[in-house]
Amino acid sequence: MKTQYNAIRSFRAEMAGLKALKGWTNRDLAAWLGCCESTVSEMYRDPIKSSGRYILLVKQLFREEQAKMLTGGEA
């Protein structure tokens, strides 16, 4: 159970980090994902119930943006 809790915490941190790096709101993230703003809010509240596709997209974009930041440009 602790592993699941850590995964949820980690995802929430990545999602918040992505939004901060991009300067995005929930609406912006929803537009990029192609879903509703309420879906993004629910994904943050309870990622276990969210689409795996959205989770993977958020995690991948976060990693890409983080790499850009660390390398000072395109990753």
PDB file of N, CA and C in Angstrom:
ATOM      1  N   MET A   1       0.822  -1.195   0.000  1.00  0.00           N
ATOM      2  CA  MET A   1       0.000   0.000   0.000  1.00  0.00           C
ATOM      3  C   MET A   1       0.864   1.256   0.000  1.00  0.00           C
ATOM      4  N   LYS A   2       2.005   1.173   0.676  1.00  0.00           N
ATOM      5  CA  LYS A   2       2.890   2.332   0.714  1.00  0.00           C
ATOM      6  C   LYS A   2       3.434   2.661  -0.682  1.00  0.00           C
ATOM      7  N   THR A   3       3.710   1.624  -1.479  1.00  0.00           N
ATOM      8  CA  THR A   3       4.194   1.827  -2.844  1.00  0.00           C
ATOM      9  C   THR A   3       3.159   2.570  -3.670  1.00  0.00           C
ATOM     10  N   GLN A   4       1.888   2.193  -3.531  1.00  0.00           N
ATOM     11  CA  GLN A   4       0.813   2.861  -4.262  1.00  0.00           C
ATOM     12  C   GLN A   4       0.725   4.325  -3.833  1.00  0.00           C
ATOM     13  N   TYR A   5       0.814   4.592  -2.545  1.00  0.00           N
ATOM     14  CA  TYR A   5       0.767   5.955  -2.035  1.00  0.00           C
ATOM     15  C   TYR A   5       1.921   6.767  -2.608  1.00  0.00           C
ATOM     16  N   ASN A   6       3.114   6.189  -2.632  1.00  0.00           N
ATOM     17  CA  ASN A   6       4.276   6.895  -3.171  1.00  0.00           C
ATOM     18  C   ASN A   6       4.116   7.179  -4.655  1.00  0.00           C
ATOM     19  N   ALA A   7       3.536   6.236  -5.403  1.00  0.00           N
ATOM     20  CA  ALA A   7       3.311   6.435  -6.832  1.00  0.00           C
ATOM     21  C   ALA A   7       2.319   7.574  -7.066  1.00  0.00           C
ATOM     22  N   ILE A   8       1.285   7.647  -6.254  1.00  0.00           N
ATOM     23  CA  ILE A   8       0.294   8.727  -6.372  1.00  0.00           C
ATOM     24  C   ILE A   8       0.946  10.064  -6.059  1.00  0.00           C
ATOM     25  N   ARG A   9       1.692  10.102  -4.981  1.00  0.00           N
ATOM     26  CA  ARG A   9       2.392  11.344  -4.611  1.00  0.00           C
ATOM     27  C   ARG A   9       3.359  11.784  -5.694  1.00  0.00           C
ATOM     28  N   SER A  10       4.091  10.831  -6.241  1.00  0.00           N
ATOM     29  CA  SER A  10       5.053  11.120  -7.297  1.00  0.00           C
ATOM     30  C   SER A  10       4.349  11.663  -8.541  1.00  0.00           C
ATOM     31  N   PHE A  11       3.238  11.047  -8.930  1.00  0.00           N
ATOM     32  CA  PHE A  11       2.509  11.515 -10.103  1.00  0.00           C
ATOM     33  C   PHE A  11       1.975  12.926  -9.883  1.00  0.00           C
ATOM     34  N   ARG A  12       1.428  13.178  -8.714  1.00  0.00           N
ATOM     35  CA  ARG A  12       0.907  14.522  -8.429  1.00  0.00           C
ATOM     36  C   ARG A  12       2.016  15.560  -8.513  1.00  0.00           C
ATOM     37  N   ALA A  13       3.188  15.221  -8.005  1.00  0.00           N
ATOM     38  CA  ALA A  13       4.329  16.140  -8.069  1.00  0.00           C
ATOM     39  C   ALA A  13       4.746  16.376  -9.521  1.00  0.00           C
ATOM     40  N   GLU A  14       4.753  15.314 -10.328  1.00  0.00           N
ATOM     41  CA  GLU A  14       5.115  15.455 -11.739  1.00  0.00           C
ATOM     42  C   GLU A  14       4.086  16.296 -12.491  1.00  0.00           C
ATOM     43  N   MET A  15       2.821  16.077 -12.197  1.00  0.00           N
ATOM     44  CA  MET A  15       1.763  16.838 -12.863  1.00  0.00           C
ATOM     45  C   MET A  15       1.862  18.321 -12.502  1.00  0.00           C
ATOM     46  N   ALA A  16       2.052  18.599 -11.225  1.00  0.00           N
ATOM     47  CA  ALA A  16       2.207  19.992 -10.783  1.00  0.00           C
ATOM     48  C   ALA A  16       3.478  20.595 -11.377  1.00  0.00           C
ATOM     49  N   GLY A  17       4.545  19.804 -11.426  1.00  0.00           N
ATOM     50  CA  GLY A  17       5.799  20.280 -12.003  1.00  0.00           C
ATOM     51  C   GLY A  17       5.661  20.595 -13.478  1.00  0.00           C
ATOM     52  N   LEU A  18       4.946  19.755 -14.207  1.00  0.00           N
ATOM     53  CA  LEU A  18       4.716  19.993 -15.628  1.00  0.00           C
ATOM     54  C   LEU A  18       3.966  21.305 -15.826  1.00  0.00           C
ATOM     55  N   LYS A  19       2.916  21.489 -15.068  1.00  0.00           N
ATOM     56  CA  LYS A  19       2.130  22.716 -15.194  1.00  0.00           C
ATOM     57  C   LYS A  19       2.981  23.944 -14.858  1.00  0.00           C
ATOM     58  N   ALA A  20       3.836  23.835 -13.864  1.00  0.00           N
ATOM     59  CA  ALA A  20       4.699  24.955 -13.494  1.00  0.00           C
ATOM     60  C   ALA A  20       5.735  25.230 -14.591  1.00  0.00           C
ATOM     61  N   LEU A  21       6.353  24.182 -15.109  1.00  0.00           N
ATOM     62  CA  LEU A  21       7.370  24.359 -16.153  1.00  0.00           C
ATOM     63  C   LEU A  21       6.790  24.980 -17.419  1.00  0.00           C
ATOM     64  N   LYS A  22       5.581  24.576 -17.775  1.00  0.00           N
ATOM     65  CA  LYS A  22       4.944  25.077 -18.990  1.00  0.00           C
ATOM     66  C   LYS A  22       4.147  26.362 -18.749  1.00  0.00           C
ATOM     67  N   GLY A  23       3.910  26.700 -17.471  1.00  0.00           N
ATOM     68  CA  GLY A  23       3.070  27.853 -17.157  1.00  0.00           C
ATOM     69  C   GLY A  23       1.614  27.588 -17.504  1.00  0.00           C
ATOM     70  N   TRP A  24       1.206  26.326 -17.374  1.00  0.00           N
ATOM     71  CA  TRP A  24      -0.131  25.894 -17.765  1.00  0.00           C
ATOM     72  C   TRP A  24      -1.100  25.868 -16.594  1.00  0.00           C
ATOM     73  N   THR A  25      -2.359  26.025 -16.932  1.00  0.00           N
ATOM     74  CA  THR A  25      -3.466  25.806 -15.999  1.00  0.00           C
ATOM     75  C   THR A  25      -4.029  24.414 -16.283  1.00  0.00           C
ATOM     76  N   ASN A  26      -4.999  23.999 -15.489  1.00  0.00           N
ATOM     77  CA  ASN A  26      -5.680  22.730 -15.773  1.00  0.00           C
ATOM     78  C   ASN A  26      -6.328  22.762 -17.157  1.00  0.00           C
ATOM     79  N   ARG A  27      -6.835  23.913 -17.534  1.00  0.00           N
ATOM     80  CA  ARG A  27      -7.478  24.053 -18.850  1.00  0.00           C
ATOM     81  C   ARG A  27      -6.464  23.830 -19.975  1.00  0.00           C
ATOM     82  N   ASP A  28      -5.268  24.399 -19.821  1.00  0.00           N
ATOM     83  CA  ASP A  28      -4.216  24.215 -20.826  1.00  0.00           C
ATOM     84  C   ASP A  28      -3.810  22.747 -20.943  1.00  0.00           C
ATOM     85  N   LEU A  29      -3.633  22.111 -19.794  1.00  0.00           N
ATOM     86  CA  LEU A  29      -3.252  20.698 -19.795  1.00  0.00           C
ATOM     87  C   LEU A  29      -4.352  19.846 -20.421  1.00  0.00           C
ATOM     88  N   ALA A  30      -5.596  20.158 -20.108  1.00  0.00           N
ATOM     89  CA  ALA A  30      -6.725  19.425 -20.687  1.00  0.00           C
ATOM     90  C   ALA A  30      -6.745  19.589 -22.202  1.00  0.00           C
ATOM     91  N   ALA A  31      -6.484  20.788 -22.682  1.00  0.00           N
ATOM     92  CA  ALA A  31      -6.464  21.020 -24.132  1.00  0.00           C
ATOM     93  C   ALA A  31      -5.361  20.198 -24.784  1.00  0.00           C
ATOM     94  N   TRP A  32      -4.195  20.140 -24.161  1.00  0.00           N
ATOM     95  CA  TRP A  32      -3.084  19.367 -24.716  1.00  0.00           C
ATOM     96  C   TRP A  32      -3.409  17.869 -24.721  1.00  0.00           C
ATOM     97  N   LEU A  33      -4.041  17.399 -23.646  1.00  0.00           N
ATOM     98  CA  LEU A  33      -4.397  15.986 -23.550  1.00  0.00           C
ATOM     99  C   LEU A  33      -5.598  15.631 -24.430  1.00  0.00           C
ATOM    100  N   GLY A  34      -6.412  16.625 -24.755  1.00  0.00           N
ATOM    101  CA  GLY A  34      -7.628  16.366 -25.517  1.00  0.00           C
ATOM    102  C   GLY A  34      -8.762  15.855 -24.652  1.00  0.00           C
ATOM    103  N   CYS A  35      -8.840  16.381 -23.436  1.00  0.00           N
ATOM    104  CA  CYS A  35      -9.904  15.968 -22.513  1.00  0.00           C
ATOM    105  C   CYS A  35     -10.515  17.203 -21.858  1.00  0.00           C
ATOM    106  N   CYS A  36     -11.420  16.986 -20.937  1.00  0.00           N
ATOM    107  CA  CYS A  36     -12.080  18.077 -20.213  1.00  0.00           C
ATOM    108  C   CYS A  36     -11.224  18.535 -19.030  1.00  0.00           C
ATOM    109  N   GLU A  37     -11.412  19.771 -18.644  1.00  0.00           N
ATOM    110  CA  GLU A  37     -10.720  20.304 -17.474  1.00  0.00           C
ATOM    111  C   GLU A  37     -11.067  19.496 -16.223  1.00  0.00           C
ATOM    112  N   SER A  38     -12.313  19.041 -16.135  1.00  0.00           N
ATOM    113  CA  SER A  38     -12.719  18.243 -14.972  1.00  0.00           C
ATOM    114  C   SER A  38     -11.970  16.908 -14.927  1.00  0.00           C
ATOM    115  N   THR A  39     -11.614  16.378 -16.085  1.00  0.00           N
ATOM    116  CA  THR A  39     -10.833  15.135 -16.137  1.00  0.00           C
ATOM    117  C   THR A  39      -9.454  15.361 -15.548  1.00  0.00           C
ATOM    118  N   VAL A  40      -8.855  16.503 -15.856  1.00  0.00           N
ATOM    119  CA  VAL A  40      -7.535  16.835 -15.309  1.00  0.00           C
ATOM    120  C   VAL A  40      -7.617  16.990 -13.794  1.00  0.00           C
ATOM    121  N   SER A  41      -8.650  17.662 -13.316  1.00  0.00           N
ATOM    122  CA  SER A  41      -8.827  17.820 -11.864  1.00  0.00           C
ATOM    123  C   SER A  41      -8.988  16.469 -11.183  1.00  0.00           C
ATOM    124  N   GLU A  42      -9.791  15.606 -11.784  1.00  0.00           N
ATOM    125  CA  GLU A  42     -10.003  14.269 -11.220  1.00  0.00           C
ATOM    126  C   GLU A  42      -8.718  13.444 -11.279  1.00  0.00           C
ATOM    127  N   MET A  43      -7.962  13.606 -12.336  1.00  0.00           N
ATOM    128  CA  MET A  43      -6.699  12.876 -12.475  1.00  0.00           C
ATOM    129  C   MET A  43      -5.736  13.257 -11.347  1.00  0.00           C
ATOM    130  N   TYR A  44      -5.736  14.517 -10.948  1.00  0.00           N
ATOM    131  CA  TYR A  44      -4.884  14.946  -9.840  1.00  0.00           C
ATOM    132  C   TYR A  44      -5.406  14.392  -8.517  1.00  0.00           C
ATOM    133  N   ARG A  45      -6.720  14.475  -8.329  1.00  0.00           N
ATOM    134  CA  ARG A  45      -7.322  14.005  -7.074  1.00  0.00           C
ATOM    135  C   ARG A  45      -7.163  12.505  -6.891  1.00  0.00           C
ATOM    136  N   ASP A  46      -7.428  11.747  -7.958  1.00  0.00           N
ATOM    137  CA  ASP A  46      -7.422  10.288  -7.850  1.00  0.00           C
ATOM    138  C   ASP A  46      -6.855   9.658  -9.115  1.00  0.00           C
ATOM    139  N   PRO A  47      -5.526   9.666  -9.259  1.00  0.00           N
ATOM    140  CA  PRO A  47      -4.927   9.135 -10.484  1.00  0.00           C
ATOM    141  C   PRO A  47      -5.219   7.655 -10.730  1.00  0.00           C
ATOM    142  N   ILE A  48      -5.546   6.914  -9.690  1.00  0.00           N
ATOM    143  CA  ILE A  48      -5.838   5.482  -9.843  1.00  0.00           C
ATOM    144  C   ILE A  48      -7.028   5.268 -10.777  1.00  0.00           C
ATOM    145  N   LYS A  49      -7.990   6.180 -10.762  1.00  0.00           N
ATOM    146  CA  LYS A  49      -9.188   6.047 -11.590  1.00  0.00           C
ATOM    147  C   LYS A  49      -9.015   6.650 -12.982  1.00  0.00           C
ATOM    148  N   SER A  50      -7.878   7.246 -13.245  1.00  0.00           N
ATOM    149  CA  SER A  50      -7.660   7.949 -14.508  1.00  0.00           C
ATOM    150  C   SER A  50      -7.192   7.021 -15.614  1.00  0.00           C
ATOM    151  N   SER A  51      -7.343   7.499 -16.823  1.00  0.00           N
ATOM    152  CA  SER A  51      -6.885   6.759 -17.998  1.00  0.00           C
ATOM    153  C   SER A  51      -5.362   6.629 -17.965  1.00  0.00           C
ATOM    154  N   GLY A  52      -4.897   5.423 -18.182  1.00  0.00           N
ATOM    155  CA  GLY A  52      -3.460   5.192 -18.235  1.00  0.00           C
ATOM    156  C   GLY A  52      -2.798   6.014 -19.328  1.00  0.00           C
ATOM    157  N   ARG A  53      -3.515   6.243 -20.416  1.00  0.00           N
ATOM    158  CA  ARG A  53      -2.993   7.045 -21.517  1.00  0.00           C
ATOM    159  C   ARG A  53      -2.646   8.451 -21.044  1.00  0.00           C
ATOM    160  N   TYR A  54      -3.557   9.071 -20.296  1.00  0.00           N
ATOM    161  CA  TYR A  54      -3.309  10.422 -19.797  1.00  0.00           C
ATOM    162  C   TYR A  54      -2.135  10.447 -18.822  1.00  0.00           C
ATOM    163  N   ILE A  55      -2.083   9.451 -17.967  1.00  0.00           N
ATOM    164  CA  ILE A  55      -0.990   9.369 -16.995  1.00  0.00           C
ATOM    165  C   ILE A  55       0.349   9.292 -17.726  1.00  0.00           C
ATOM    166  N   LEU A  56       0.427   8.411 -18.718  1.00  0.00           N
ATOM    167  CA  LEU A  56       1.674   8.249 -19.473  1.00  0.00           C
ATOM    168  C   LEU A  56       2.049   9.518 -20.227  1.00  0.00           C
ATOM    169  N   LEU A  57       1.079  10.187 -20.816  1.00  0.00           N
ATOM    170  CA  LEU A  57       1.361  11.426 -21.535  1.00  0.00           C
ATOM    171  C   LEU A  57       1.892  12.514 -20.608  1.00  0.00           C
ATOM    172  N   VAL A  58       1.275  12.648 -19.449  1.00  0.00           N
ATOM    173  CA  VAL A  58       1.735  13.652 -18.480  1.00  0.00           C
ATOM    174  C   VAL A  58       3.156  13.334 -18.029  1.00  0.00           C
ATOM    175  N   LYS A  59       3.409  12.092 -17.689  1.00  0.00           N
ATOM    176  CA  LYS A  59       4.734  11.703 -17.212  1.00  0.00           C
ATOM    177  C   LYS A  59       5.797  11.925 -18.295  1.00  0.00           C
ATOM    178  N   GLN A  60       5.480  11.573 -19.543  1.00  0.00           N
ATOM    179  CA  GLN A  60       6.446  11.732 -20.626  1.00  0.00           C
ATOM    180  C   GLN A  60       6.738  13.203 -20.897  1.00  0.00           C
ATOM    181  N   LEU A  61       5.699  14.027 -20.990  1.00  0.00           N
ATOM    182  CA  LEU A  61       5.917  15.450 -21.253  1.00  0.00           C
ATOM    183  C   LEU A  61       6.682  16.095 -20.101  1.00  0.00           C
ATOM    184  N   PHE A  62       6.386  15.695 -18.869  1.00  0.00           N
ATOM    185  CA  PHE A  62       7.125  16.231 -17.727  1.00  0.00           C
ATOM    186  C   PHE A  62       8.612  15.911 -17.863  1.00  0.00           C
ATOM    187  N   ARG A  63       8.928  14.678 -18.212  1.00  0.00           N
ATOM    188  CA  ARG A  63      10.340  14.289 -18.373  1.00  0.00           C
ATOM    189  C   ARG A  63      11.013  15.075 -19.491  1.00  0.00           C
ATOM    190  N   GLU A  64      10.294  15.276 -20.595  1.00  0.00           N
ATOM    191  CA  GLU A  64      10.848  16.048 -21.704  1.00  0.00           C
ATOM    192  C   GLU A  64      11.116  17.498 -21.295  1.00  0.00           C
ATOM    193  N   GLU A  65      10.166  18.090 -20.606  1.00  0.00           N
ATOM    194  CA  GLU A  65      10.323  19.485 -20.178  1.00  0.00           C
ATOM    195  C   GLU A  65      11.439  19.617 -19.141  1.00  0.00           C
ATOM    196  N   GLN A  66      11.536  18.643 -18.270  1.00  0.00           N
ATOM    197  CA  GLN A  66      12.598  18.636 -17.263  1.00  0.00           C
ATOM    198  C   GLN A  66      13.970  18.525 -17.943  1.00  0.00           C
ATOM    199  N   ALA A  67      14.073  17.682 -18.951  1.00  0.00           N
ATOM    200  CA  ALA A  67      15.326  17.518 -19.686  1.00  0.00           C
ATOM    201  C   ALA A  67      15.700  18.811 -20.401  1.00  0.00           C
ATOM    202  N   LYS A  68      14.722  19.485 -21.002  1.00  0.00           N
ATOM    203  CA  LYS A  68      14.981  20.775 -21.652  1.00  0.00           C
ATOM    204  C   LYS A  68      15.543  21.775 -20.654  1.00  0.00           C
ATOM    205  N   MET A  69      14.924  21.806 -19.488  1.00  0.00           N
ATOM    206  CA  MET A  69      15.359  22.746 -18.454  1.00  0.00           C
ATOM    207  C   MET A  69      16.799  22.450 -18.036  1.00  0.00           C
ATOM    208  N   LEU A  70      17.127  21.176 -17.884  1.00  0.00           N
ATOM    209  CA  LEU A  70      18.466  20.789 -17.422  1.00  0.00           C
ATOM    210  C   LEU A  70      19.537  21.008 -18.484  1.00  0.00           C
ATOM    211  N   THR A  71      19.160  20.870 -19.755  1.00  0.00           N
ATOM    212  CA  THR A  71      20.128  21.030 -20.831  1.00  0.00           C
ATOM    213  C   THR A  71      20.126  22.436 -21.410  1.00  0.00           C
ATOM    214  N   GLY A  72      19.173  23.240 -20.978  1.00  0.00           N
ATOM    215  CA  GLY A  72      19.112  24.622 -21.456  1.00  0.00           C
ATOM    216  C   GLY A  72      18.555  24.772 -22.848  1.00  0.00           C
ATOM    217  N   GLY A  73      17.778  23.824 -23.294  1.00  0.00           N
ATOM    218  CA  GLY A  73      17.199  23.924 -24.628  1.00  0.00           C
ATOM    219  C   GLY A  73      16.415  22.707 -24.988  1.00  0.00           C
ATOM    220  N   GLU A  74      16.481  22.379 -26.245  1.00  0.00           N
ATOM    221  CA  GLU A  74      15.743  21.224 -26.742  1.00  0.00           C
ATOM    222  C   GLU A  74      16.368  19.925 -26.257  1.00  0.00           C
ATOM    223  N   ALA A  75      15.488  18.998 -25.909  1.00  0.00           N
ATOM    224  CA  ALA A  75      15.952  17.677 -25.457  1.00  0.00           C
ATOM    225  C   ALA A  75      15.823  16.665 -26.549  1.00  0.00           C
TER     226      ALA A  75
END
